Amino acid sequence: MALPTYLQLVNDVLVRMREPTVSTVSENTVSALVGKYINDAKRQVSDAYDWDAFNTPITVSTIANTTGPYSITGAGVRFKTMDVINTTSFYQMSPLSHANYDSFYYTTPTPTTGLPMYYSIKGVDTNGDIKVNFWPVPDAVYSIRFSLIVPEADFSTDSSTTLLAKEPIVLGAFARALVERGEDGGLSSSEAYALYKSSMSDLIALELARSPENDTFEAV
């Protein structure tokens, strides 16, 4: 089954609104507004659950005697961390608070070097990716594997696709469009939102049946 495109999702919502379909998302003010709602709904669906489709491993290579900061390239700032493993030394690493990292690093004349066992978030780089420091200061080159849930970027072109199921995205955008338009004798915004929530619940249940270890999600 082909992945749904931005334009297809917008047209799906326009049909539900009894509006003409378009050949490009920016064709008119209604389609452009629906395009905004599609992106809003996709972000909400993305953030509501740790979807298997977004499971992304990113490896960071340390530099000897350099604590960081190292960029987790491609992670952005909306990701969730599943685990962090030093694959060179087969060691599972733990998060470290800013305060504890500063205490360890700055309270001795010579910071401790050795096998990195902890990672600490250290701001965002110019590409919008999170940076981390490692503790102890790596004494050699290590490969640190971050297993993350990284949501997709917003749709930007008509042909942009999503790995998510289209139903909750379309229904979430449709509910938003009905709020903007007002009731017109068709489906109400509250009814559309109830369909969106039902669609989300069904998809989460299906994914839980495949991956029961992922047993928590945000309220939608």
Protein backbone atom coordinates (compact mmCIF):
# COMPACT_ATOMS: atom_id res chain seq x y z
CA MET A 1 0.00 0.00 0.00
CA ALA A 2 1.41 3.37 -1.03
CA LEU A 3 2.08 5.90 1.67
CA PRO A 4 -0.45 8.78 1.78
CA THR A 5 0.79 12.11 0.42
CA TYR A 6 0.16 15.58 1.76
CA LEU A 7 -2.03 16.43 -1.24
CA GLN A 8 -4.08 13.24 -0.89
CA LEU A 9 -4.73 13.94 2.78
CA VAL A 10 -5.79 17.52 2.06
CA ASN A 11 -8.16 16.37 -0.67
CA ASP A 12 -9.63 13.71 1.63
CA VAL A 13 -10.54 16.46 4.10
CA LEU A 14 -11.88 18.75 1.35
CA VAL A 15 -14.22 16.01 0.13
CA ARG A 16 -15.56 15.56 3.66
CA MET A 17 -16.15 19.32 3.77
CA ARG A 18 -17.99 19.12 0.42
CA GLU A 19 -15.35 21.36 -1.14
CA PRO A 20 -13.73 20.87 -4.57
CA THR A 21 -10.48 18.91 -4.58
CA VAL A 22 -7.29 20.68 -5.63
CA SER A 23 -4.18 19.89 -7.65
CA THR A 24 -1.85 21.56 -5.15
CA VAL A 25 -2.21 22.26 -1.43
CA SER A 26 -1.68 26.01 -1.92
CA GLU A 27 -4.29 26.27 -4.70
CA ASN A 28 -6.72 28.36 -2.66
CA THR A 29 -7.25 29.71 0.86
CA VAL A 30 -9.42 26.77 1.94
CA SER A 31 -6.94 24.12 0.78
CA ALA A 32 -4.02 26.02 2.31
CA LEU A 33 -5.86 26.24 5.64
CA VAL A 34 -6.69 22.53 5.52
CA GLY A 35 -3.00 21.91 4.86
CA LYS A 36 -2.22 23.65 8.14
CA TYR A 37 -4.78 21.50 9.94
CA ILE A 38 -3.28 18.36 8.39
CA ASN A 39 0.14 19.25 9.82
CA ASP A 40 -1.40 20.11 13.21
CA ALA A 41 -3.21 16.78 13.32
CA LYS A 42 -0.11 14.86 12.21
CA ARG A 43 1.94 16.40 15.03
CA GLN A 44 -0.75 15.48 17.55
CA VAL A 45 -0.94 11.89 16.29
CA SER A 46 2.86 11.63 16.23
CA ASP A 47 3.24 12.82 19.82
CA ALA A 48 0.42 10.69 21.24
CA TYR A 49 2.23 7.34 21.09
CA ASP A 50 5.65 5.76 20.61
CA TRP A 51 4.89 4.52 17.10
CA ASP A 52 7.06 1.67 15.83
CA ALA A 53 7.36 3.49 12.51
CA PHE A 54 9.38 6.24 14.21
CA ASN A 55 11.91 3.99 15.96
CA THR A 56 15.22 5.46 14.83
CA PRO A 57 18.75 4.46 15.89
CA ILE A 58 21.35 7.24 15.77
CA THR A 59 24.99 6.55 16.57
CA VAL A 60 27.33 9.17 18.02
CA SER A 61 31.08 8.57 17.96
CA THR A 62 33.05 10.08 20.82
CA ILE A 63 36.47 11.71 20.62
CA ALA A 64 39.14 10.77 23.12
CA ASN A 65 39.38 13.26 26.02
CA THR A 66 36.35 15.23 24.78
CA THR A 67 33.23 15.28 26.94
CA GLY A 68 31.20 17.04 24.23
CA PRO A 69 28.89 18.49 23.32
CA TYR A 70 28.04 15.99 20.57
CA SER A 71 25.05 16.52 18.27
CA ILE A 72 22.52 13.72 17.86
CA THR A 73 22.22 14.44 14.16
CA GLY A 74 18.72 14.02 12.78
CA ALA A 75 17.00 13.71 16.16
CA GLY A 76 15.56 17.22 16.39
CA VAL A 77 14.06 18.14 19.76
CA ARG A 78 10.71 16.26 19.80
CA PHE A 79 12.17 12.76 20.12
CA LYS A 80 11.72 10.27 22.97
CA THR A 81 14.65 8.19 24.20
CA MET A 82 14.11 4.44 24.43
CA ASP A 83 17.64 3.47 25.45
CA VAL A 84 21.27 4.54 25.04
CA ILE A 85 23.96 1.87 24.67
CA ASN A 86 27.73 2.11 24.41
CA THR A 87 28.05 -0.51 21.65
CA THR A 88 31.85 -0.48 21.83
CA SER A 89 31.88 -1.63 25.45
CA PHE A 90 28.36 -3.21 25.51
CA TYR A 91 27.25 -0.93 28.33
CA GLN A 92 23.77 0.57 28.82
CA MET A 93 24.11 4.24 29.69
CA SER A 94 21.94 6.34 32.02
CA PRO A 95 20.77 9.98 31.85
CA LEU A 96 22.50 12.53 34.06
CA SER A 97 20.98 15.83 35.21
CA HIS A 98 22.59 19.15 34.32
CA ALA A 99 23.35 19.82 37.98
CA ASN A 100 25.05 16.48 38.55
CA TYR A 101 27.06 16.76 35.34
CA ASP A 102 28.28 20.23 36.30
CA SER A 103 29.14 18.97 39.78
CA PHE A 104 31.17 16.09 38.40
CA TYR A 105 32.88 18.04 35.62
CA TYR A 106 33.62 21.43 37.17
CA THR A 107 34.46 20.64 40.80
CA THR A 108 37.83 19.00 40.15
CA PRO A 109 40.93 20.47 38.46
CA THR A 110 41.14 17.46 36.13
CA PRO A 111 37.81 15.84 35.16
CA THR A 112 37.69 12.06 35.34
CA THR A 113 38.28 10.17 32.09
CA GLY A 114 37.29 6.61 31.32
CA LEU A 115 34.39 4.54 30.01
CA PRO A 116 31.43 6.93 29.49
CA MET A 117 28.51 5.69 31.59
CA TYR A 118 26.17 8.72 31.54
CA TYR A 119 24.86 11.25 29.05
CA SER A 120 23.56 14.74 29.79
CA ILE A 121 21.50 16.97 27.47
CA LYS A 122 23.45 20.11 26.56
CA GLY A 123 21.39 22.47 24.42
CA VAL A 124 20.51 22.49 20.73
CA ASP A 125 22.81 22.97 17.73
CA THR A 126 22.24 25.28 14.76
CA ASN A 127 20.50 22.48 12.84
CA GLY A 128 17.91 22.10 15.59
CA ASP A 129 19.33 18.83 16.95
CA ILE A 130 19.87 18.07 20.64
CA LYS A 131 23.46 18.01 21.92
CA VAL A 132 24.79 15.80 24.72
CA ASN A 133 27.81 15.54 26.99
CA PHE A 134 29.19 12.23 28.24
CA TRP A 135 30.50 11.35 31.69
CA PRO A 136 33.13 10.31 32.55
CA VAL A 137 35.00 12.11 29.80
CA PRO A 138 35.58 9.44 27.10
CA ASP A 139 39.15 8.17 27.18
CA ALA A 140 38.91 6.69 23.68
CA VAL A 141 36.62 6.47 20.66
CA TYR A 142 33.29 4.86 21.57
CA SER A 143 30.16 4.28 19.51
CA ILE A 144 27.11 5.43 21.47
CA ARG A 145 23.80 4.19 20.02
CA PHE A 146 20.71 6.24 20.82
CA SER A 147 17.48 4.32 20.20
CA LEU A 148 14.90 7.07 19.71
CA ILE A 149 11.33 7.69 18.66
CA VAL A 150 11.77 10.56 16.17
CA PRO A 151 8.56 12.08 14.77
CA GLU A 152 8.48 13.11 11.13
CA ALA A 153 8.90 16.71 10.05
CA ASP A 154 5.83 18.65 8.95
CA PHE A 155 4.63 18.15 5.38
CA SER A 156 6.29 20.69 3.11
CA THR A 157 5.48 19.62 -0.48
CA ASP A 158 2.44 18.10 -2.17
CA SER A 159 4.26 14.77 -2.56
CA SER A 160 5.50 14.57 1.06
CA THR A 161 4.43 11.27 2.62
CA THR A 162 3.90 9.95 6.14
CA LEU A 163 4.54 6.57 7.76
CA LEU A 164 1.48 7.09 9.94
CA ALA A 165 -1.99 5.78 9.12
CA LYS A 166 -4.03 8.42 7.33
CA GLU A 167 -7.34 8.01 9.19
CA PRO A 168 -6.56 9.85 12.45
CA ILE A 169 -4.71 12.60 10.57
CA VAL A 170 -7.65 13.20 8.25
CA LEU A 171 -10.25 13.01 11.03
CA GLY A 172 -8.21 15.29 13.31
CA ALA A 173 -7.82 17.86 10.54
CA PHE A 174 -11.51 17.54 9.61
CA ALA A 175 -12.56 18.26 13.20
CA ARG A 176 -10.36 21.38 13.23
CA ALA A 177 -11.81 22.53 9.90
CA LEU A 178 -15.36 22.15 11.22
CA VAL A 179 -14.52 24.28 14.24
CA GLU A 180 -13.22 27.00 11.89
CA ARG A 181 -16.16 26.78 9.48
CA GLY A 182 -18.95 26.31 12.01
CA GLU A 183 -21.83 23.86 11.83
CA ASP A 184 -23.34 23.53 8.35
CA GLY A 185 -25.90 20.76 8.73
CA GLY A 186 -23.38 17.97 8.33
CA LEU A 187 -21.17 16.23 10.88
CA SER A 188 -20.49 18.40 13.95
CA SER A 189 -16.95 19.16 15.12
CA SER A 190 -17.53 17.23 18.36
CA GLU A 191 -18.71 14.18 16.39
CA ALA A 192 -15.66 14.43 14.11
CA TYR A 193 -13.36 14.71 17.11
CA ALA A 194 -14.98 11.62 18.65
CA LEU A 195 -14.29 9.72 15.42
CA TYR A 196 -10.67 10.92 15.57
CA LYS A 197 -10.26 9.65 19.13
CA SER A 198 -11.87 6.33 18.22
CA SER A 199 -9.52 5.96 15.26
CA MET A 200 -6.52 6.70 17.48
CA SER A 201 -7.64 4.17 20.09
CA ASP A 202 -8.08 1.48 17.44
CA LEU A 203 -4.62 2.09 15.96
CA ILE A 204 -2.93 2.10 19.36
CA ALA A 205 -4.69 -1.15 20.26
CA LEU A 206 -3.47 -2.74 17.02
CA GLU A 207 0.09 -1.60 17.63
CA LEU A 208 -0.02 -2.77 21.25
CA ALA A 209 -1.03 -6.21 20.01
CA ARG A 210 2.22 -6.25 17.99
CA SER A 211 4.40 -4.53 20.59
CA PRO A 212 2.85 -5.01 24.08
CA GLU A 213 5.95 -3.57 25.74
CA ASN A 214 4.90 -0.13 24.52
CA ASP A 215 2.06 0.16 27.01
CA THR A 216 1.89 3.91 27.66
CA PHE A 217 0.65 6.82 25.57
CA GLU A 218 -0.48 10.41 25.96
CA ALA A 219 -4.17 11.25 26.25
CA VAL A 220 -5.60 12.38 22.92
